Protein backbone atom coordinates (compact mmCIF):
# COMPACT_ATOMS: atom_id res chain seq x y z
CA UNK A 1 121.01 107.39 62.36
CA UNK A 2 119.61 109.78 64.98
CA UNK A 3 121.66 111.00 67.93
CA UNK A 4 119.58 108.88 70.33
CA UNK A 5 120.12 105.78 68.17
CA UNK A 6 123.87 106.45 68.09
CA UNK A 7 123.88 106.74 71.89
CA UNK A 8 122.07 103.43 72.25
CA UNK A 9 124.48 101.82 69.79
CA UNK A 10 127.45 103.06 71.80
CA UNK A 11 125.93 101.66 74.99
CA UNK A 12 125.61 98.14 73.63
CA UNK A 13 127.79 95.41 75.06
CA UNK A 14 130.46 94.79 72.37
CA UNK A 15 129.39 92.00 70.04
CA UNK A 16 132.66 90.19 70.66
CA UNK A 17 131.67 89.86 74.33
CA UNK A 18 128.11 88.67 73.81
CA UNK A 19 128.58 86.93 70.44
CA UNK A 20 124.91 87.22 69.56
CA UNK A 21 122.16 89.78 69.06
CA UNK A 22 119.58 87.46 70.63
CA UNK A 23 117.71 89.41 73.30
CA UNK A 24 117.54 86.27 75.47
CA UNK A 25 121.21 85.39 75.42
CA UNK A 26 124.72 86.60 76.11
CA UNK A 27 127.84 84.68 77.24
CA UNK A 28 127.20 85.54 80.90
CA UNK A 29 124.04 83.42 80.77
CA UNK A 30 125.54 80.30 79.19
CA UNK A 31 126.32 77.20 81.26
CA UNK A 32 129.70 77.48 82.93
CA UNK A 33 132.39 75.58 81.05
CA UNK A 34 133.95 72.56 82.70
CA UNK A 35 137.39 74.14 83.08
CA UNK A 36 135.86 76.98 85.11
CA UNK A 37 134.10 74.67 87.57
CA UNK A 38 136.81 75.00 90.20
CA UNK A 39 134.93 75.53 93.46
CA UNK A 40 135.77 72.76 95.90
CA UNK A 41 134.91 72.41 99.59
CA UNK A 42 136.66 75.57 100.81
CA UNK A 43 135.26 77.73 98.02
CA UNK A 44 131.70 76.65 98.74
CA UNK A 45 132.38 77.05 102.46
CA UNK A 46 133.68 80.56 101.88
CA UNK A 47 130.66 81.58 99.77
CA UNK A 48 128.39 81.02 102.76
CA UNK A 49 131.14 81.79 105.25
CA UNK A 50 131.38 85.45 104.21
CA UNK A 51 127.76 85.87 105.28
CA UNK A 52 128.67 84.66 108.78
CA UNK A 53 132.08 86.32 109.07
CA UNK A 54 130.49 89.73 108.77
CA UNK A 55 129.50 92.60 111.00
CA UNK A 56 125.80 91.96 110.34
CA UNK A 57 126.01 88.46 111.80
CA UNK A 58 128.04 89.71 114.79
CA UNK A 59 125.24 92.12 115.79
CA UNK A 60 122.35 89.81 114.90
CA UNK A 61 121.74 88.52 118.43
CA UNK A 62 120.86 92.06 119.58
CA UNK A 63 117.41 91.41 118.08
CA UNK A 64 116.66 89.07 121.00
CA UNK A 65 115.65 92.09 123.08
CA UNK A 66 112.85 92.93 120.66
CA UNK A 67 111.14 89.54 120.87
CA UNK A 68 111.74 88.73 124.51
CA UNK A 69 114.09 85.77 124.18
CA UNK A 70 117.25 85.25 126.19
CA UNK A 71 120.52 85.24 124.32
CA UNK A 72 121.06 81.47 124.67
CA UNK A 73 117.54 80.94 123.32
CA UNK A 74 118.30 83.25 120.41
CA UNK A 75 121.36 81.21 119.49
CA UNK A 76 119.13 78.12 119.64
CA UNK A 77 116.74 79.68 117.11
CA UNK A 78 119.68 80.41 114.83
CA UNK A 79 120.75 76.76 114.89
CA UNK A 80 117.24 75.68 113.87
CA UNK A 81 117.19 78.45 111.27
CA UNK A 82 120.50 77.19 109.92
CA UNK A 83 119.00 73.72 109.47
CA UNK A 84 116.05 75.23 107.59
CA UNK A 85 118.40 77.27 105.42
CA UNK A 86 120.46 74.19 104.59
CA UNK A 87 117.38 72.30 103.40
CA UNK A 88 116.09 75.16 101.23
CA UNK A 89 119.53 76.06 99.88
CA UNK A 90 120.67 72.57 98.90
CA UNK A 91 117.29 71.74 97.36
CA UNK A 92 117.56 74.91 95.30
CA UNK A 93 121.14 74.21 94.23
CA UNK A 94 120.32 71.40 91.80
CA UNK A 95 119.63 73.42 88.63
CA UNK A 96 123.12 74.87 88.98
CA UNK A 97 124.88 71.63 89.90
CA UNK A 98 122.89 69.54 87.38
CA UNK A 99 123.00 71.83 84.35
CA UNK A 100 125.65 74.43 85.27
CA UNK A 101 123.27 77.35 84.83
CA UNK A 102 122.51 80.33 87.04
CA UNK A 103 119.44 81.85 88.64
CA UNK A 104 118.29 83.65 85.49
CA UNK A 105 117.88 80.47 83.44
CA UNK A 106 116.36 78.55 86.35
CA UNK A 107 113.71 81.28 86.50
CA UNK A 108 112.99 80.83 82.79
CA UNK A 109 112.63 77.09 83.30
CA UNK A 110 109.93 77.61 85.91
CA UNK A 111 108.21 80.94 85.22
CA UNK A 112 108.65 81.12 81.44
CA UNK A 113 110.95 83.12 79.19
CA UNK A 114 108.99 86.32 79.88
CA UNK A 115 107.46 85.52 83.27
CA UNK A 116 110.97 85.04 84.66
CA UNK A 117 111.42 88.81 84.50
CA UNK A 118 109.36 89.27 87.67
CA UNK A 119 111.48 86.92 89.78
CA UNK A 120 114.68 88.34 88.32
CA UNK A 121 113.73 91.95 89.07
CA UNK A 122 112.66 90.99 92.60
CA UNK A 123 116.10 89.48 93.11
CA UNK A 124 117.69 92.65 91.71
CA UNK A 125 115.75 94.82 94.16
CA UNK A 126 116.82 92.62 97.07
CA UNK A 127 120.41 92.84 95.86
CA UNK A 128 120.23 96.63 95.81
CA UNK A 129 119.01 96.72 99.43
CA UNK A 130 121.58 94.12 100.50
CA UNK A 131 124.32 95.97 98.65
CA UNK A 132 123.54 99.21 100.45
CA UNK A 133 123.37 97.50 103.84
CA UNK A 134 126.73 95.77 103.41
CA UNK A 135 128.38 98.83 101.88
CA UNK A 136 127.39 100.92 104.88
CA UNK A 137 129.07 98.45 107.23
CA UNK A 138 132.00 98.35 104.83
CA UNK A 139 132.32 102.12 105.11
CA UNK A 140 132.50 101.85 108.89
CA UNK A 141 135.25 99.25 108.41
CA UNK A 142 137.16 101.67 106.18
CA UNK A 143 136.94 104.26 108.94
CA UNK A 144 138.69 101.89 111.33
CA UNK A 145 141.70 101.90 109.02
CA UNK A 146 141.65 105.68 108.63
CA UNK A 147 141.20 106.21 112.38
CA UNK A 148 144.32 104.13 113.02
CA UNK A 149 146.30 106.30 110.62
CA UNK A 150 145.29 109.73 111.87
CA UNK A 151 144.13 111.11 115.20
CA UNK A 152 142.82 114.13 113.32
CA UNK A 153 140.55 111.87 111.28
CA UNK A 154 139.44 110.09 114.46
CA UNK A 155 138.22 113.41 115.84
CA UNK A 156 136.99 114.83 112.52
CA UNK A 157 134.03 117.16 113.23
CA UNK A 158 130.64 116.33 111.78
CA UNK A 159 129.57 118.98 109.28
CA UNK A 160 126.23 117.37 108.35
CA UNK A 161 122.85 118.36 109.72
CA UNK A 162 121.64 116.68 112.90
CA UNK A 163 118.60 115.54 110.92
CA UNK A 164 120.82 113.28 108.79
CA UNK A 165 121.42 109.86 110.36
CA UNK A 166 125.12 109.80 109.51
CA UNK A 167 128.29 111.80 110.04
CA UNK A 168 130.90 113.28 107.74
CA UNK A 169 133.31 110.45 108.55
CA UNK A 170 130.71 107.84 107.73
CA UNK A 171 130.02 109.44 104.34
CA UNK A 172 133.74 109.38 103.52
CA UNK A 173 134.11 105.72 104.50
CA UNK A 174 130.94 104.78 102.60
CA UNK A 175 132.16 106.39 99.40
CA UNK A 176 135.67 104.92 99.64
CA UNK A 177 134.22 101.44 100.16
CA UNK A 178 132.07 101.78 97.05
CA UNK A 179 135.07 102.83 94.96
CA UNK A 180 137.25 99.96 96.19
CA UNK A 181 134.49 97.43 95.62
CA UNK A 182 134.18 98.48 91.98
CA UNK A 183 137.66 97.09 91.28
CA UNK A 184 136.45 93.63 92.32
CA UNK A 185 134.24 93.48 89.24
CA UNK A 186 137.29 93.24 87.01
CA UNK A 187 137.28 89.52 87.80
CA UNK A 188 134.70 86.94 86.76
CA UNK A 189 132.34 85.52 89.42
CA UNK A 190 133.97 82.07 89.29
CA UNK A 191 137.35 83.72 89.96
CA UNK A 192 136.19 85.27 93.25
CA UNK A 193 136.58 82.10 95.36
CA UNK A 194 140.13 82.84 96.52
CA UNK A 195 139.12 86.32 97.60
CA UNK A 196 136.20 84.86 99.56
CA UNK A 197 138.47 82.35 101.30
CA UNK A 198 141.05 84.98 102.26
CA UNK A 199 138.37 87.30 103.65
CA UNK A 200 136.85 84.51 105.76
CA UNK A 201 140.21 83.57 107.27
CA UNK A 202 141.19 87.18 108.00
CA UNK A 203 137.86 88.08 109.58
CA UNK A 204 137.69 84.95 111.72
CA UNK A 205 141.06 85.64 113.31
CA UNK A 206 140.22 89.32 113.75
CA UNK A 207 136.99 88.47 115.57
CA UNK A 208 138.65 85.71 117.58
CA UNK A 209 141.40 88.09 118.64
CA UNK A 210 138.84 90.62 119.87
CA UNK A 211 137.00 88.01 121.94
CA UNK A 212 140.22 86.64 123.46
CA UNK A 213 141.28 90.14 124.49
CA UNK A 214 137.87 91.05 125.95
CA UNK A 215 137.46 87.85 127.95
CA UNK A 216 141.02 88.17 129.24
CA UNK A 217 140.46 91.75 130.37
CA UNK A 218 137.07 90.87 131.92
CA UNK A 219 138.29 87.58 133.44
CA UNK A 220 135.36 85.79 131.84
CA UNK A 221 132.46 86.19 129.43
CA UNK A 222 130.31 88.31 131.72
CA UNK A 223 126.87 87.85 133.26
CA UNK A 224 124.90 88.84 130.18
CA UNK A 225 126.20 85.88 128.21
CA UNK A 226 125.32 83.36 130.91
CA UNK A 227 121.93 84.87 131.69
CA UNK A 228 118.92 82.78 130.66
CA UNK A 229 116.34 85.42 131.56
CA UNK A 230 113.82 86.33 128.90
CA UNK A 231 110.61 88.37 128.97
CA UNK A 232 108.52 86.21 126.63
CA UNK A 233 106.44 83.40 128.15
CA UNK A 234 103.89 80.81 127.04
CA UNK A 235 102.61 81.03 123.49
CA UNK A 236 104.38 84.37 122.94
CA UNK A 237 107.65 82.65 123.62
CA UNK A 238 106.80 79.86 121.18
CA UNK A 239 105.92 82.37 118.45
CA UNK A 240 109.08 84.32 119.25
CA UNK A 241 111.07 81.17 118.52
CA UNK A 242 109.20 80.72 115.24
CA UNK A 243 109.79 84.34 114.33
CA UNK A 244 113.51 84.28 115.02
CA UNK A 245 113.88 81.13 112.91
CA UNK A 246 112.08 82.86 110.04
CA UNK A 247 114.08 86.03 110.59
CA UNK A 248 117.37 84.13 110.46
CA UNK A 249 116.44 82.43 107.20
CA UNK A 250 115.05 85.67 105.79
CA UNK A 251 118.34 87.45 106.42
CA UNK A 252 120.24 84.99 104.20
CA UNK A 253 117.40 84.09 101.80
CA UNK A 254 118.80 86.18 98.90
CA UNK A 255 121.80 83.84 98.91
CA UNK A 256 119.54 80.79 98.97
CA UNK A 257 117.34 81.87 96.07
CA UNK A 258 120.28 82.41 93.70
CA UNK A 259 122.25 79.39 94.92
CA UNK A 260 122.43 78.13 91.33
CA UNK A 261 124.59 81.11 90.42
CA UNK A 262 127.38 79.59 92.51
CA UNK A 263 126.57 75.87 92.73
CA UNK A 264 127.31 75.74 88.99
CA UNK A 265 130.95 76.49 89.83
CA UNK A 266 131.24 73.40 92.06
CA UNK A 267 133.70 70.63 91.27
CA UNK A 268 131.24 68.06 92.61
CA UNK A 269 127.94 67.73 94.42
CA UNK A 270 129.82 66.51 97.49
CA UNK A 271 131.91 69.69 97.62
CA UNK A 272 128.79 71.82 97.33
CA UNK A 273 126.92 69.92 100.04
CA UNK A 274 129.75 69.66 102.57
CA UNK A 275 130.92 73.24 102.06
CA UNK A 276 127.40 74.64 102.40
CA UNK A 277 126.42 72.51 105.40
CA UNK A 278 129.60 73.26 107.35
CA UNK A 279 129.41 76.99 106.61
CA UNK A 280 125.76 77.19 107.61
CA UNK A 281 126.25 75.29 110.86
CA UNK A 282 129.60 76.37 112.31
CA UNK A 283 130.32 80.10 111.71
CA UNK A 284 126.64 81.09 111.67
CA UNK A 285 126.39 79.76 115.22
CA UNK A 286 129.81 80.92 116.40
CA UNK A 287 129.80 84.56 115.26
CA UNK A 288 126.50 85.53 116.98
CA UNK A 289 127.99 83.99 120.15
CA UNK A 290 130.99 86.27 119.65
CA UNK A 291 128.59 89.21 119.44
CA UNK A 292 126.87 88.30 122.71
CA UNK A 293 130.22 87.81 124.47
CA UNK A 294 131.34 91.20 123.17
CA UNK A 295 128.22 92.92 124.51
CA UNK A 296 128.47 91.05 127.80
CA UNK A 297 132.12 91.87 128.44
CA UNK A 298 131.76 95.50 127.34
CA UNK A 299 128.94 95.97 129.83
CA UNK A 300 131.23 94.78 132.62
CA UNK A 301 134.33 96.63 131.40
CA UNK A 302 132.94 99.91 130.09
CA UNK A 303 129.46 100.16 131.61
CA UNK A 304 127.59 99.87 128.31
CA UNK A 305 126.81 97.16 125.78
CA UNK A 306 128.79 97.46 122.55
CA UNK A 307 127.11 95.47 119.78
CA UNK A 308 128.94 96.98 116.85
CA UNK A 309 132.58 95.83 116.65
CA UNK A 310 133.46 99.38 115.59
CA UNK A 311 132.27 100.72 118.95
CA UNK A 312 135.05 98.85 120.73
CA UNK A 313 137.73 100.49 118.63
CA UNK A 314 136.13 103.92 118.94
CA UNK A 315 136.33 103.52 122.70
CA UNK A 316 139.89 102.16 122.68
CA UNK A 317 141.24 104.79 120.30
CA UNK A 318 139.43 107.65 122.03
CA UNK A 319 140.58 106.73 125.53
CA UNK A 320 144.10 105.65 124.61
CA UNK A 321 145.47 106.39 121.14
CA UNK A 322 148.35 103.97 121.65
CA UNK A 323 150.36 101.95 119.15
CA UNK A 324 148.61 98.76 120.25
CA UNK A 325 145.13 100.23 119.84
CA UNK A 326 146.02 101.65 116.45
CA UNK A 327 147.49 98.34 115.24
CA UNK A 328 144.42 96.45 116.39
CA UNK A 329 142.12 98.95 114.67
CA UNK A 330 144.10 98.76 111.45
CA UNK A 331 144.30 94.98 111.12
CA UNK A 332 140.69 94.43 112.20
CA UNK A 333 139.61 97.23 109.87
CA UNK A 334 141.34 95.52 106.94
CA UNK A 335 139.77 92.17 107.84
CA UNK A 336 136.27 93.63 108.22
CA UNK A 337 136.65 95.55 104.97
CA UNK A 338 137.64 92.38 103.09
CA UNK A 339 134.69 90.56 104.63
CA UNK A 340 132.17 93.22 103.66
CA UNK A 341 133.62 93.50 100.16
CA UNK A 342 133.44 89.73 99.67
CA UNK A 343 129.89 89.60 100.98
CA UNK A 344 128.83 92.56 98.85
CA UNK A 345 130.23 91.30 95.55
CA UNK A 346 129.16 87.66 95.94
CA UNK A 347 125.63 88.11 97.30
CA UNK A 348 124.70 91.44 95.75
CA UNK A 349 126.99 92.77 93.02
CA UNK A 350 127.67 89.66 90.97
CA UNK A 351 124.22 88.22 91.74
CA UNK A 352 122.41 91.31 90.50
CA UNK A 353 124.81 91.66 87.58
CA UNK A 354 123.93 88.16 86.40
CA UNK A 355 120.23 88.96 86.72
CA UNK A 356 120.40 92.29 84.90
CA UNK A 357 122.42 90.60 82.14
CA UNK A 358 119.46 88.27 81.70
CA UNK A 359 116.92 91.10 81.47
CA UNK A 360 118.93 93.46 79.22
CA UNK A 361 121.60 91.27 77.58
CA UNK A 362 122.10 93.70 74.72
CA UNK A 363 123.23 96.52 77.00
CA UNK A 364 124.27 94.92 80.30
CA UNK A 365 126.83 92.28 81.21
CA UNK A 366 127.73 91.14 84.73
CA UNK A 367 130.24 93.93 85.27
CA UNK A 368 127.87 96.68 84.20
CA UNK A 369 125.01 95.15 86.15
CA UNK A 370 127.08 95.03 89.34
CA UNK A 371 128.12 98.67 88.96
CA UNK A 372 124.52 99.72 88.35
CA UNK A 373 123.46 97.85 91.49
CA UNK A 374 126.11 99.65 93.53
CA UNK A 375 124.98 103.03 92.22
CA UNK A 376 121.32 102.34 92.96
CA UNK A 377 122.09 101.11 96.49
CA UNK A 378 122.43 104.74 97.61
CA UNK A 379 118.70 105.18 97.06
CA UNK A 380 117.72 102.77 99.86
CA UNK A 381 119.39 104.98 102.52
CA UNK A 382 121.21 102.11 104.24
CA UNK A 383 122.42 104.31 107.11
CA UNK A 384 118.87 104.14 108.47
CA UNK A 385 119.00 100.33 108.74
CA UNK A 386 121.16 100.45 111.84
CA UNK A 387 119.45 103.21 113.80
CA UNK A 388 117.69 100.53 115.84
CA UNK A 389 117.62 96.76 115.93
CA UNK A 390 113.89 96.73 115.14
CA UNK A 391 114.39 98.44 111.76
CA UNK A 392 117.26 96.13 110.92
CA UNK A 393 115.13 93.13 111.93
CA UNK A 394 112.28 94.26 109.69
CA UNK A 395 114.51 94.80 106.67
CA UNK A 396 116.20 91.41 107.01
CA UNK A 397 113.07 89.37 107.75
CA UNK A 398 111.12 91.01 104.90
CA UNK A 399 113.48 89.34 102.43
CA UNK A 400 112.12 85.94 103.41
CA UNK A 401 108.49 86.96 102.87
CA UNK A 402 109.21 87.62 99.21
CA UNK A 403 111.85 85.01 98.51
CA UNK A 404 110.54 81.92 100.35
CA UNK A 405 107.55 81.26 98.04
CA UNK A 406 109.84 81.85 95.07
CA UNK A 407 112.20 79.14 96.30
CA UNK A 408 109.25 76.88 97.05
CA UNK A 409 107.91 77.01 93.49
CA UNK A 410 111.38 76.40 92.03
CA UNK A 411 111.97 73.35 94.23
CA UNK A 412 108.54 71.88 93.44
CA UNK A 413 109.04 72.33 89.70
CA UNK A 414 112.52 70.83 89.74
CA UNK A 415 111.78 67.72 91.79
CA UNK A 416 108.09 66.94 91.23
CA UNK A 417 107.19 68.43 87.86
CA UNK A 418 110.34 68.34 85.71
CA UNK A 419 112.14 65.68 87.75
CA UNK A 420 115.45 67.56 87.35
CA UNK A 421 115.26 67.50 83.54
CA UNK A 422 115.72 70.81 81.71
CA UNK A 423 116.80 71.81 78.21
CA UNK A 424 119.30 74.64 78.52
CA UNK A 425 119.26 75.70 74.89
CA UNK A 426 115.47 75.99 74.94
CA UNK A 427 115.78 78.73 77.56
CA UNK A 428 117.29 80.92 74.83
CA UNK A 429 114.35 80.44 72.44
CA UNK A 430 111.32 82.70 72.88
CA UNK A 431 108.72 80.26 71.53
CA UNK A 432 110.34 77.09 72.79
CA UNK A 433 109.79 74.62 75.62
CA UNK A 434 109.45 77.36 78.23
CA UNK A 435 107.03 79.61 76.37
CA UNK A 436 103.99 78.25 78.26
CA UNK A 437 101.19 80.80 77.79
CA UNK A 438 102.51 83.87 75.99
CA UNK A 439 105.87 83.37 77.67
CA UNK A 440 104.50 83.08 81.21
CA UNK A 441 103.87 80.02 83.37
CA UNK A 442 100.82 81.44 85.12
CA UNK A 443 100.67 78.49 87.52
CA UNK A 444 104.04 79.45 89.00
CA UNK A 445 103.08 83.12 89.15
CA UNK A 446 99.84 82.41 90.99
CA UNK A 447 101.54 80.08 93.47
CA UNK A 448 104.24 82.66 94.21
CA UNK A 449 101.83 85.58 94.68
CA UNK A 450 99.40 83.58 96.83
CA UNK A 451 102.25 82.37 99.05
CA UNK A 452 103.76 85.84 99.37
CA UNK A 453 100.67 87.99 99.95
CA UNK A 454 99.64 86.87 103.46
CA UNK A 455 103.03 87.87 104.85
CA UNK A 456 103.01 91.42 103.48
CA UNK A 457 100.70 92.92 106.16
CA UNK A 458 103.08 91.56 108.79
CA UNK A 459 105.89 93.69 107.38
CA UNK A 460 103.71 96.79 107.74
CA UNK A 461 102.79 95.77 111.30
CA UNK A 462 106.45 95.26 112.19
CA UNK A 463 107.16 98.84 111.13
CA UNK A 464 104.22 100.21 113.13
CA UNK A 465 102.42 97.96 115.60
CA UNK A 466 99.43 100.32 115.66
CA UNK A 467 98.41 99.57 112.07
CA UNK A 468 96.23 96.67 113.25
CA UNK A 469 95.97 94.17 116.09
CA UNK A 470 95.11 90.92 114.32
CA UNK A 471 97.05 88.20 116.11
CA UNK A 472 96.49 85.67 113.31
CA UNK A 473 98.12 87.90 110.69
CA UNK A 474 101.03 88.64 113.01
CA UNK A 475 101.59 84.97 113.80
CA UNK A 476 101.50 84.10 110.10
CA UNK A 477 104.20 86.71 109.55
CA UNK A 478 106.22 85.20 112.38
CA UNK A 479 106.11 81.76 110.76
CA UNK A 480 106.17 82.94 107.17
CA UNK A 481 109.16 80.80 106.17
CA UNK A 482 107.16 77.68 107.04
CA UNK A 483 103.66 78.74 105.98
CA UNK A 484 104.44 80.49 102.69
CA UNK A 485 106.70 77.66 101.58
CA UNK A 486 103.94 75.08 102.13
CA UNK A 487 101.28 77.24 100.45
CA UNK A 488 103.28 77.91 97.30
CA UNK A 489 104.67 74.38 97.07
CA UNK A 490 101.35 72.54 97.23
CA UNK A 491 99.41 75.18 95.30
CA UNK A 492 101.85 74.98 92.38
CA UNK A 493 101.75 71.20 92.47
CA UNK A 494 97.96 71.30 92.53
CA UNK A 495 97.71 73.78 89.68
CA UNK A 496 100.01 71.64 87.54
CA UNK A 497 97.75 68.67 88.29
CA UNK A 498 94.53 70.54 87.50
CA UNK A 499 95.91 72.45 84.49
CA UNK A 500 98.69 70.24 83.09
CA UNK A 501 101.16 71.24 80.42
CA UNK A 502 103.09 68.79 78.28
CA UNK A 503 106.82 68.43 78.68
CA UNK A 504 107.99 67.76 75.14
CA UNK A 505 111.77 68.05 75.60
CA UNK A 506 113.64 66.45 78.47
CA UNK A 507 117.05 67.96 77.85
CA UNK A 508 119.58 68.71 75.11
CA UNK A 509 120.84 65.53 73.48
CA UNK A 510 124.38 66.94 73.20
CA UNK A 511 126.64 68.94 75.47
CA UNK A 512 126.78 72.02 73.25
CA UNK A 513 128.32 74.25 75.91
CA UNK A 514 131.24 72.14 77.13
CA UNK A 515 129.80 72.05 80.65
CA UNK A 516 130.40 68.35 81.39
CA UNK A 517 133.13 65.77 81.29
CA UNK A 518 132.64 62.81 78.98
CA UNK A 519 131.51 60.65 81.90
CA UNK A 520 129.07 63.27 83.18
CA UNK A 521 127.58 63.79 79.72
CA UNK A 522 127.06 60.07 79.15
CA UNK A 523 125.47 59.74 82.58
CA UNK A 524 122.97 62.40 81.53
CA UNK A 525 122.27 60.60 78.23
CA UNK A 526 124.05 63.33 76.29
CA UNK A 527 126.66 63.15 73.57
CA UNK A 528 129.88 64.59 75.05
CA UNK A 529 131.19 67.94 73.95
CA UNK A 530 134.27 66.36 72.33
CA UNK A 531 132.02 64.39 69.96
CA UNK A 532 130.02 67.40 68.83
CA UNK A 533 131.33 68.62 65.47
CA UNK A 534 132.63 72.15 65.00
CA UNK A 535 129.57 73.32 63.08
CA UNK A 536 127.26 72.36 65.92
CA UNK A 537 129.59 73.90 68.49
CA UNK A 538 129.30 77.17 66.59
CA UNK A 539 125.56 76.74 66.22
CA UNK A 540 124.97 76.55 69.97
CA UNK A 541 125.19 80.34 70.05
CA UNK A 542 122.23 80.44 67.67
CA UNK A 543 118.74 79.04 67.95
CA UNK A 544 118.76 76.49 65.17
CA UNK A 545 120.30 73.08 64.40
CA UNK A 546 120.17 71.87 67.97
CA UNK A 547 119.35 68.31 68.95
CA UNK A 548 117.03 67.47 71.81
CA UNK A 549 115.97 64.43 73.76
CA UNK A 550 112.23 64.61 73.28
CA UNK A 551 109.42 63.05 75.20
CA UNK A 552 106.64 62.49 72.68
CA UNK A 553 104.22 59.91 71.44
CA UNK A 554 105.57 60.56 67.94
CA UNK A 555 108.49 58.16 67.51
CA UNK A 556 109.36 59.32 64.00
CA UNK A 557 112.31 61.41 65.14
CA UNK A 558 115.49 59.79 63.94
CA UNK A 559 119.04 60.41 65.13
CA UNK A 560 121.99 61.03 62.85
CA UNK A 561 124.24 59.53 65.51
CA UNK A 562 124.46 55.80 64.83
CA UNK A 563 126.04 55.08 68.18
CA UNK A 564 123.69 57.20 70.31
CA UNK A 565 121.78 54.11 71.38
CA UNK A 566 124.94 52.76 73.03
CA UNK A 567 125.28 55.92 75.09
CA UNK A 568 121.72 56.25 76.35
CA UNK A 569 119.25 54.35 78.41
CA UNK A 570 115.62 53.68 77.52
CA UNK A 571 112.94 56.03 78.77
CA UNK A 572 109.84 54.35 80.13
CA UNK A 573 107.44 57.04 79.04
CA UNK A 574 106.44 58.72 75.80
CA UNK A 575 104.61 61.78 77.12
CA UNK A 576 105.00 63.47 80.47
CA UNK A 577 102.19 65.67 81.72
CA UNK A 578 102.17 67.69 84.92
CA UNK A 579 99.09 65.89 86.17
CA UNK A 580 100.29 65.14 89.66
CA UNK A 581 101.60 61.70 88.68
CA UNK A 582 105.22 62.75 89.20
CA UNK A 583 106.12 62.11 85.60
CA UNK A 584 104.30 58.79 85.21
CA UNK A 585 103.78 57.87 81.59
CA UNK A 586 100.42 58.52 79.97
CA UNK A 587 101.26 55.76 77.55
CA UNK A 588 102.60 52.31 78.20
CA UNK A 589 104.72 52.28 75.08
CA UNK A 590 108.45 52.58 75.78
CA UNK A 591 110.73 54.63 73.57
CA UNK A 592 114.50 54.90 73.50
CA UNK A 593 116.31 58.18 73.88
CA UNK A 594 117.85 57.74 70.46
CA UNK A 595 114.52 58.95 69.08
CA UNK A 596 115.71 62.52 69.02
CA UNK A 597 115.25 65.47 66.75
CA UNK A 598 118.43 65.99 64.79
CA UNK A 599 116.97 68.38 62.24
CA UNK A 600 116.67 72.09 62.58
CA UNK A 601 113.72 74.47 62.40
CA UNK A 602 111.50 72.20 60.33
CA UNK A 603 111.52 69.42 62.89
CA UNK A 604 110.93 71.86 65.72
CA UNK A 605 107.82 73.16 63.98
CA UNK A 606 106.44 69.63 63.99
């Protein structure tokens, strides 16, 4: 064995952890077991709540100045954007809640076992950018704690060049935050819910305390908050509304696209829905209001608008390094640090770790993938994101341009093409149900690219308005979340109608992975996990000897389970084609779901 081969061997994820050498599978990709589905209302609320109870959401309303809207109007766009986010997010949560699988497998279902790589790597790149952005704010939060401990640290001289958009203190806080966040990856993703809940509670009371103090000192919220003056009028104002709605969705779209990663942890669909809806309506509206009140009161009290929460503490500690100021800085610093850590690990670290585990399962598990994402986040220079609100706005809104058509194709496939029926075990087989054409569903790829492309010039224009002056392209970019979704959705549906592919397997006939209760399995026409013999339970880690509920005009498949007929309901179709008929049968002959394939490789070849 060569030295290079020995190095690669040493880098492999231990076989005991992945239990298979299959390049498409490791334990991190399997459906979540029933006993680990523990996320109720508050856990689902906290998953989306950490996005709102964060510094980024506090400062988000500052973008109103760039588009000419008043602050009350900006909050109005956020409410509409929240409603849009709820629709997209809940619609995209079904693969996780239905089959207890994450984003990686849902990509294989739609784009093919090899085509899914593109969507997965796009999500990884977004996670890297998001990780860097959140880690930078986390570093500033760390500095609040250190400032409260030491006046010398508060006044630490900057030894970096003036050409670098950060200071020595900021580098120290940034690095410490990265190190602390790494310890969070010792837990599994489904174990992070309590940490998310604690961070939400701590940050809410920290932010609320700041607002109470500021309004008390100012004897009100200030004139800026109550002002309804805006510079945009007529059609420009209308497009500004559209843009801010798209921007708001774009800023949280990475969480929407990988919703299945966390909806699979839910105890019930009700918990997922209520937790998500409440989190996307209440704190996402309240925290930007806090930010506006903070800027409004600081203008009256200190003569300048403070948008960053850290600016308040810098002012308080610099002007009066008292015990009260230090205590406030410390406790708020701890709360903000917890918030940024929770946001970073849930929406970037764990999310990217799951995706990288799907691309390189032999060498990467969730923990390694998360650490790699954190290391690569330095490359995106996140300290430049907050030099001006326009740059921050561009970075956040660009997420939606890429992600929205991806979500659109996934929703169309789930509801109109597959009708929420997927075979999990087939996602681990290269030449199985999701092989399509050489492993790629070209229909999905075309729909995604066509929906994404028109919005790309708008990103370039947002960076430099002198690139071109085509109002149509700019307006498309402003409304990208609406336009690109419609384009990709109907194009994919149309391509599946014009170039249909047969759906031969509805879903696994047995719960091989222990993902469902007996009642849930029977409701899905599956044999419960408790009734699957030990040999088949062991076989689920392989690719053979699996039983499927097939949709075929060949009714010769026989079941070895004599009582399967009692546990299933008849299917009214024998062959489903994606011909725009929403799963209508191409044959009038009915067939029962007990016509399944209970043999191994030989039957699958047929």
